[in-house]
Amino acid sequence: LQKELLKYKQEARNLQGIKDALQQRLVQQDASVLQLKQELLRANMDKEELHNQNADLQRKVEERNRLLAEYKKELCQKDRQLQQHQTKLDEMHRQLSEASYQQVDLERELEHKEALLAHCMKREAEE
């Protein structure tokens, strides 16, 4: 009976050692699970923060695109106005050139008539 008792005590110690080792392993695994949960929580928080940043950046891009469209529209209007003003300027330049030619013609005609008048006055004075 004593041999059997020693055998069972030895077996109980072995089983207790196995139990202690398993409990220690379970504690390590629990610690690992806890650490993984913390990492998962951090990863989810980082993911949420990135999602919020992405949404914010998307809003900014949309706002900038809207502003860009407005600026393009204004630029097109300014280009049209500039083209209209350029057309008017070209027309005025053409009219100014015509007026200059007419002025030169009128000045020649005036000089010619002054010369004729002077010639007539001279002839009248001679007579």
N, C-alpha and C. Protein backbone atom coordinates (compact mmCIF):
# COMPACT_ATOMS: atom_id res chain seq x y z
N LEU A 1 0.83 -1.19 0.00
CA LEU A 1 0.00 0.00 0.00
C LEU A 1 0.87 1.25 0.00
N GLN A 2 2.00 1.15 0.76
CA GLN A 2 2.88 2.31 0.82
C GLN A 2 3.51 2.58 -0.54
N LYS A 3 3.90 1.49 -1.22
CA LYS A 3 4.46 1.67 -2.56
C LYS A 3 3.42 2.30 -3.48
N GLU A 4 2.24 1.84 -3.38
CA GLU A 4 1.17 2.37 -4.20
C GLU A 4 0.90 3.83 -3.85
N LEU A 5 0.95 4.12 -2.56
CA LEU A 5 0.74 5.49 -2.10
C LEU A 5 1.84 6.39 -2.65
N LEU A 6 3.10 5.93 -2.57
CA LEU A 6 4.22 6.70 -3.11
C LEU A 6 4.06 6.90 -4.62
N LYS A 7 3.64 5.84 -5.25
CA LYS A 7 3.42 5.91 -6.71
C LYS A 7 2.36 6.95 -7.04
N TYR A 8 1.26 6.96 -6.29
CA TYR A 8 0.18 7.92 -6.55
C TYR A 8 0.59 9.34 -6.17
N LYS A 9 1.41 9.43 -5.08
CA LYS A 9 1.90 10.75 -4.71
C LYS A 9 2.81 11.31 -5.80
N GLN A 10 3.70 10.42 -6.30
CA GLN A 10 4.59 10.82 -7.40
C GLN A 10 3.77 11.22 -8.62
N GLU A 11 2.76 10.44 -8.89
CA GLU A 11 1.88 10.74 -10.03
C GLU A 11 1.13 12.06 -9.80
N ALA A 12 0.71 12.29 -8.55
CA ALA A 12 0.01 13.53 -8.21
C ALA A 12 0.97 14.71 -8.36
N ARG A 13 2.28 14.54 -7.95
CA ARG A 13 3.26 15.62 -8.13
C ARG A 13 3.50 15.90 -9.60
N ASN A 14 3.60 14.82 -10.37
CA ASN A 14 3.79 15.00 -11.82
C ASN A 14 2.59 15.75 -12.42
N LEU A 15 1.42 15.27 -12.01
CA LEU A 15 0.21 15.94 -12.52
C LEU A 15 0.14 17.39 -12.05
N GLN A 16 0.55 17.63 -10.80
CA GLN A 16 0.57 19.01 -10.29
C GLN A 16 1.56 19.85 -11.09
N GLY A 17 2.74 19.29 -11.43
CA GLY A 17 3.74 20.00 -12.25
C GLY A 17 3.19 20.32 -13.63
N ILE A 18 2.51 19.32 -14.20
CA ILE A 18 1.89 19.55 -15.52
C ILE A 18 0.82 20.62 -15.41
N LYS A 19 0.02 20.53 -14.32
CA LYS A 19 -1.03 21.53 -14.11
C LYS A 19 -0.42 22.92 -13.95
N ASP A 20 0.65 23.04 -13.14
CA ASP A 20 1.31 24.33 -12.95
C ASP A 20 1.87 24.87 -14.26
N ALA A 21 2.49 23.97 -15.05
CA ALA A 21 3.05 24.39 -16.35
C ALA A 21 1.93 24.86 -17.28
N LEU A 22 0.83 24.11 -17.27
CA LEU A 22 -0.32 24.50 -18.12
C LEU A 22 -0.92 25.82 -17.66
N GLN A 23 -1.00 26.01 -16.33
CA GLN A 23 -1.53 27.28 -15.82
C GLN A 23 -0.61 28.44 -16.19
N GLN A 24 0.70 28.21 -16.10
CA GLN A 24 1.65 29.26 -16.48
C GLN A 24 1.52 29.57 -17.97
N ARG A 25 1.38 28.50 -18.76
CA ARG A 25 1.20 28.69 -20.21
C ARG A 25 -0.10 29.45 -20.48
N LEU A 26 -1.15 29.11 -19.72
CA LEU A 26 -2.44 29.80 -19.87
C LEU A 26 -2.30 31.27 -19.51
N VAL A 27 -1.56 31.57 -18.44
CA VAL A 27 -1.34 32.96 -18.03
C VAL A 27 -0.59 33.71 -19.14
N GLN A 28 0.44 33.07 -19.74
CA GLN A 28 1.20 33.69 -20.83
C GLN A 28 0.29 33.94 -22.04
N GLN A 29 -0.54 32.94 -22.33
CA GLN A 29 -1.46 33.10 -23.46
C GLN A 29 -2.48 34.20 -23.19
N ASP A 30 -2.96 34.27 -21.95
CA ASP A 30 -3.89 35.35 -21.59
C ASP A 30 -3.20 36.71 -21.75
N ALA A 31 -1.93 36.79 -21.33
CA ALA A 31 -1.20 38.04 -21.47
C ALA A 31 -1.02 38.38 -22.96
N SER A 32 -0.73 37.34 -23.76
CA SER A 32 -0.59 37.56 -25.21
C SER A 32 -1.90 38.01 -25.83
N VAL A 33 -3.00 37.38 -25.40
CA VAL A 33 -4.32 37.77 -25.92
C VAL A 33 -4.63 39.20 -25.52
N LEU A 34 -4.33 39.55 -24.29
CA LEU A 34 -4.57 40.92 -23.82
C LEU A 34 -3.74 41.91 -24.65
N GLN A 35 -2.47 41.56 -24.87
CA GLN A 35 -1.60 42.43 -25.68
C GLN A 35 -2.15 42.56 -27.10
N LEU A 36 -2.59 41.44 -27.68
CA LEU A 36 -3.16 41.48 -29.04
C LEU A 36 -4.43 42.33 -29.08
N LYS A 37 -5.25 42.22 -28.01
CA LYS A 37 -6.46 43.05 -27.95
C LYS A 37 -6.10 44.52 -27.89
N GLN A 38 -5.07 44.86 -27.09
CA GLN A 38 -4.64 46.25 -27.02
C GLN A 38 -4.12 46.74 -28.38
N GLU A 39 -3.33 45.89 -29.04
CA GLU A 39 -2.83 46.26 -30.37
C GLU A 39 -3.97 46.43 -31.36
N LEU A 40 -4.96 45.53 -31.27
CA LEU A 40 -6.13 45.63 -32.15
C LEU A 40 -6.89 46.92 -31.88
N LEU A 41 -7.05 47.26 -30.60
CA LEU A 41 -7.74 48.50 -30.24
C LEU A 41 -6.98 49.70 -30.79
N ARG A 42 -5.64 49.71 -30.62
CA ARG A 42 -4.83 50.80 -31.16
C ARG A 42 -4.95 50.86 -32.68
N ALA A 43 -4.90 49.68 -33.31
CA ALA A 43 -5.01 49.64 -34.78
C ALA A 43 -6.36 50.17 -35.23
N ASN A 44 -7.42 49.81 -34.50
CA ASN A 44 -8.75 50.32 -34.86
C ASN A 44 -8.84 51.82 -34.66
N MET A 45 -8.22 52.31 -33.57
CA MET A 45 -8.23 53.76 -33.34
C MET A 45 -7.44 54.47 -34.44
N ASP A 46 -6.28 53.90 -34.81
CA ASP A 46 -5.49 54.48 -35.90
C ASP A 46 -6.27 54.45 -37.21
N LYS A 47 -6.96 53.34 -37.43
CA LYS A 47 -7.77 53.21 -38.65
C LYS A 47 -8.87 54.27 -38.67
N GLU A 48 -9.53 54.47 -37.54
CA GLU A 48 -10.60 55.48 -37.45
C GLU A 48 -10.03 56.88 -37.67
N GLU A 49 -8.85 57.14 -37.07
CA GLU A 49 -8.21 58.44 -37.26
C GLU A 49 -7.84 58.66 -38.73
N LEU A 50 -7.29 57.64 -39.35
CA LEU A 50 -6.96 57.74 -40.78
C LEU A 50 -8.22 57.94 -41.62
N HIS A 51 -9.29 57.26 -41.24
CA HIS A 51 -10.55 57.43 -41.97
C HIS A 51 -11.04 58.88 -41.85
N ASN A 52 -10.95 59.43 -40.63
CA ASN A 52 -11.36 60.82 -40.42
C ASN A 52 -10.47 61.79 -41.20
N GLN A 53 -9.16 61.52 -41.18
CA GLN A 53 -8.24 62.37 -41.95
C GLN A 53 -8.54 62.28 -43.43
N ASN A 54 -8.83 61.06 -43.89
CA ASN A 54 -9.16 60.87 -45.30
C ASN A 54 -10.43 61.63 -45.68
N ALA A 55 -11.43 61.56 -44.82
CA ALA A 55 -12.67 62.28 -45.07
C ALA A 55 -12.42 63.79 -45.10
N ASP A 56 -11.60 64.26 -44.17
CA ASP A 56 -11.25 65.68 -44.12
C ASP A 56 -10.51 66.10 -45.38
N LEU A 57 -9.55 65.30 -45.78
CA LEU A 57 -8.81 65.60 -47.01
C LEU A 57 -9.73 65.56 -48.23
N GLN A 58 -10.66 64.63 -48.24
CA GLN A 58 -11.61 64.54 -49.35
C GLN A 58 -12.47 65.80 -49.42
N ARG A 59 -12.91 66.29 -48.25
CA ARG A 59 -13.70 67.54 -48.23
C ARG A 59 -12.85 68.69 -48.76
N LYS A 60 -11.58 68.74 -48.33
CA LYS A 60 -10.70 69.82 -48.80
C LYS A 60 -10.48 69.74 -50.30
N VAL A 61 -10.31 68.53 -50.82
CA VAL A 61 -10.12 68.36 -52.27
C VAL A 61 -11.37 68.81 -53.01
N GLU A 62 -12.53 68.43 -52.50
CA GLU A 62 -13.79 68.83 -53.14
C GLU A 62 -13.94 70.35 -53.11
N GLU A 63 -13.60 70.97 -51.98
CA GLU A 63 -13.68 72.43 -51.87
C GLU A 63 -12.72 73.09 -52.85
N ARG A 64 -11.51 72.56 -52.93
CA ARG A 64 -10.52 73.13 -53.86
C ARG A 64 -10.96 72.93 -55.31
N ASN A 65 -11.56 71.78 -55.59
CA ASN A 65 -12.06 71.54 -56.95
C ASN A 65 -13.18 72.52 -57.29
N ARG A 66 -14.04 72.79 -56.29
CA ARG A 66 -15.12 73.75 -56.50
C ARG A 66 -14.54 75.14 -56.77
N LEU A 67 -13.56 75.53 -55.95
CA LEU A 67 -12.92 76.84 -56.15
C LEU A 67 -12.22 76.89 -57.51
N LEU A 68 -11.57 75.81 -57.87
CA LEU A 68 -10.88 75.76 -59.16
C LEU A 68 -11.87 75.94 -60.30
N ALA A 69 -13.02 75.29 -60.19
CA ALA A 69 -14.05 75.43 -61.22
C ALA A 69 -14.54 76.88 -61.30
N GLU A 70 -14.73 77.50 -60.12
CA GLU A 70 -15.15 78.91 -60.10
C GLU A 70 -14.08 79.80 -60.74
N TYR A 71 -12.82 79.54 -60.40
CA TYR A 71 -11.73 80.36 -60.96
C TYR A 71 -11.63 80.17 -62.48
N LYS A 72 -11.84 78.93 -62.92
CA LYS A 72 -11.81 78.68 -64.37
C LYS A 72 -12.95 79.43 -65.06
N LYS A 73 -14.12 79.42 -64.43
CA LYS A 73 -15.27 80.13 -64.99
C LYS A 73 -14.99 81.63 -65.06
N GLU A 74 -14.44 82.18 -63.96
CA GLU A 74 -14.09 83.60 -63.95
C GLU A 74 -13.03 83.91 -65.00
N LEU A 75 -12.06 83.02 -65.14
CA LEU A 75 -11.00 83.22 -66.12
C LEU A 75 -11.56 83.22 -67.54
N CYS A 76 -12.51 82.33 -67.80
CA CYS A 76 -13.15 82.31 -69.12
C CYS A 76 -13.90 83.62 -69.38
N GLN A 77 -14.60 84.12 -68.35
CA GLN A 77 -15.31 85.39 -68.50
C GLN A 77 -14.32 86.52 -68.76
N LYS A 78 -13.23 86.53 -68.02
CA LYS A 78 -12.21 87.57 -68.21
C LYS A 78 -11.59 87.46 -69.60
N ASP A 79 -11.37 86.23 -70.06
CA ASP A 79 -10.83 86.04 -71.41
C ASP A 79 -11.79 86.60 -72.46
N ARG A 80 -13.09 86.32 -72.28
CA ARG A 80 -14.08 86.86 -73.23
C ARG A 80 -14.07 88.39 -73.20
N GLN A 81 -14.03 88.95 -71.99
CA GLN A 81 -13.99 90.41 -71.88
C GLN A 81 -12.73 90.97 -72.53
N LEU A 82 -11.63 90.31 -72.28
CA LEU A 82 -10.37 90.74 -72.88
C LEU A 82 -10.43 90.67 -74.39
N GLN A 83 -11.02 89.62 -74.91
CA GLN A 83 -11.17 89.49 -76.35
C GLN A 83 -12.07 90.59 -76.91
N GLN A 84 -13.15 90.89 -76.18
CA GLN A 84 -14.05 91.97 -76.62
C GLN A 84 -13.30 93.31 -76.61
N HIS A 85 -12.56 93.55 -75.55
CA HIS A 85 -11.80 94.80 -75.46
C HIS A 85 -10.72 94.87 -76.54
N GLN A 86 -10.11 93.73 -76.83
CA GLN A 86 -9.09 93.69 -77.87
C GLN A 86 -9.72 94.01 -79.23
N THR A 87 -10.91 93.48 -79.47
CA THR A 87 -11.62 93.76 -80.72
C THR A 87 -11.94 95.25 -80.82
N LYS A 88 -12.45 95.81 -79.71
CA LYS A 88 -12.76 97.24 -79.69
C LYS A 88 -11.49 98.07 -79.91
N LEU A 89 -10.41 97.67 -79.26
CA LEU A 89 -9.14 98.38 -79.40
C LEU A 89 -8.65 98.33 -80.85
N ASP A 90 -8.76 97.16 -81.45
CA ASP A 90 -8.34 97.02 -82.86
C ASP A 90 -9.19 97.92 -83.75
N GLU A 91 -10.51 97.96 -83.48
CA GLU A 91 -11.41 98.80 -84.28
C GLU A 91 -11.05 100.27 -84.09
N MET A 92 -10.80 100.69 -82.85
CA MET A 92 -10.43 102.08 -82.60
C MET A 92 -9.10 102.43 -83.25
N HIS A 93 -8.18 101.47 -83.22
CA HIS A 93 -6.88 101.68 -83.86
C HIS A 93 -7.06 101.87 -85.38
N ARG A 94 -7.95 101.04 -85.95
CA ARG A 94 -8.24 101.16 -87.38
C ARG A 94 -8.87 102.53 -87.68
N GLN A 95 -9.84 102.93 -86.81
CA GLN A 95 -10.49 104.22 -87.02
C GLN A 95 -9.49 105.36 -86.86
N LEU A 96 -8.59 105.23 -85.89
CA LEU A 96 -7.56 106.24 -85.68
C LEU A 96 -6.64 106.34 -86.91
N SER A 97 -6.29 105.18 -87.46
CA SER A 97 -5.45 105.18 -88.66
C SER A 97 -6.18 105.87 -89.82
N GLU A 98 -7.46 105.55 -89.99
CA GLU A 98 -8.25 106.18 -91.05
C GLU A 98 -8.32 107.69 -90.82
N ALA A 99 -8.54 108.09 -89.56
CA ALA A 99 -8.62 109.51 -89.23
C ALA A 99 -7.28 110.19 -89.52
N SER A 100 -6.19 109.50 -89.23
CA SER A 100 -4.86 110.06 -89.51
C SER A 100 -4.68 110.26 -91.01
N TYR A 101 -5.08 109.23 -91.78
CA TYR A 101 -4.97 109.37 -93.25
C TYR A 101 -5.84 110.53 -93.74
N GLN A 102 -7.07 110.64 -93.21
CA GLN A 102 -7.95 111.74 -93.62
C GLN A 102 -7.34 113.08 -93.22
N GLN A 103 -6.72 113.11 -92.01
CA GLN A 103 -6.11 114.36 -91.56
C GLN A 103 -4.97 114.74 -92.50
N VAL A 104 -4.16 113.77 -92.89
CA VAL A 104 -3.06 114.05 -93.82
C VAL A 104 -3.62 114.55 -95.15
N ASP A 105 -4.67 113.89 -95.64
CA ASP A 105 -5.29 114.32 -96.90
C ASP A 105 -5.85 115.74 -96.78
N LEU A 106 -6.54 116.00 -95.62
CA LEU A 106 -7.11 117.33 -95.42
C LEU A 106 -6.01 118.38 -95.31
N GLU A 107 -4.89 118.03 -94.64
CA GLU A 107 -3.78 118.98 -94.53
C GLU A 107 -3.18 119.26 -95.90
N ARG A 108 -3.04 118.25 -96.76
CA ARG A 108 -2.53 118.46 -98.13
C ARG A 108 -3.49 119.35 -98.92
N GLU A 109 -4.79 119.02 -98.77
CA GLU A 109 -5.79 119.81 -99.49
C GLU A 109 -5.75 121.26 -99.02
N LEU A 110 -5.60 121.45 -97.66
CA LEU A 110 -5.52 122.80 -97.11
C LEU A 110 -4.28 123.52 -97.65
N GLU A 111 -3.15 122.83 -97.67
CA GLU A 111 -1.93 123.44 -98.21
C GLU A 111 -2.12 123.82 -99.68
N HIS A 112 -2.74 122.91 -100.43
CA HIS A 112 -2.99 123.18 -101.85
C HIS A 112 -3.90 124.39 -102.02
N LYS A 113 -4.97 124.48 -101.22
CA LYS A 113 -5.90 125.60 -101.32
C LYS A 113 -5.23 126.89 -100.84
N GLU A 114 -4.39 126.79 -99.79
CA GLU A 114 -3.66 127.98 -99.34
C GLU A 114 -2.71 128.47 -100.45
N ALA A 115 -2.08 127.49 -101.13
CA ALA A 115 -1.18 127.87 -102.24
C ALA A 115 -1.98 128.51 -103.35
N LEU A 116 -3.16 127.96 -103.67
CA LEU A 116 -4.01 128.55 -104.71
C LEU A 116 -4.46 129.93 -104.29
N LEU A 117 -4.85 130.07 -103.00
CA LEU A 117 -5.28 131.35 -102.50
C LEU A 117 -4.15 132.37 -102.58
N ALA A 118 -2.97 131.93 -102.16
CA ALA A 118 -1.81 132.83 -102.24
C ALA A 118 -1.53 133.21 -103.69
N HIS A 119 -1.65 132.26 -104.60
CA HIS A 119 -1.42 132.52 -106.01
C HIS A 119 -2.47 133.51 -106.55
N CYS A 120 -3.71 133.29 -106.15
CA CYS A 120 -4.78 134.19 -106.60
C CYS A 120 -4.58 135.60 -106.01
N MET A 121 -4.20 135.69 -104.76
CA MET A 121 -3.98 136.97 -104.12
C MET A 121 -2.81 137.69 -104.80
N LYS A 122 -1.80 136.94 -105.14
CA LYS A 122 -0.64 137.52 -105.82
C LYS A 122 -1.05 138.05 -107.18
N ARG A 123 -1.81 137.28 -107.90
CA ARG A 123 -2.25 137.70 -109.22
C ARG A 123 -3.17 138.91 -109.12
N GLU A 124 -4.02 138.91 -108.13
CA GLU A 124 -4.91 140.05 -107.95
C GLU A 124 -4.13 141.29 -107.60
N ALA A 125 -3.09 141.10 -106.78
CA ALA A 125 -2.26 142.22 -106.39
C ALA A 125 -1.51 142.75 -107.60
N GLU A 126 -1.12 141.88 -108.49
CA GLU A 126 -0.40 142.30 -109.68
C GLU A 126 -1.33 143.06 -110.63
N GLU A 127 -2.57 142.63 -110.65
CA GLU A 127 -3.51 143.29 -111.56
C GLU A 127 -3.87 144.64 -110.99
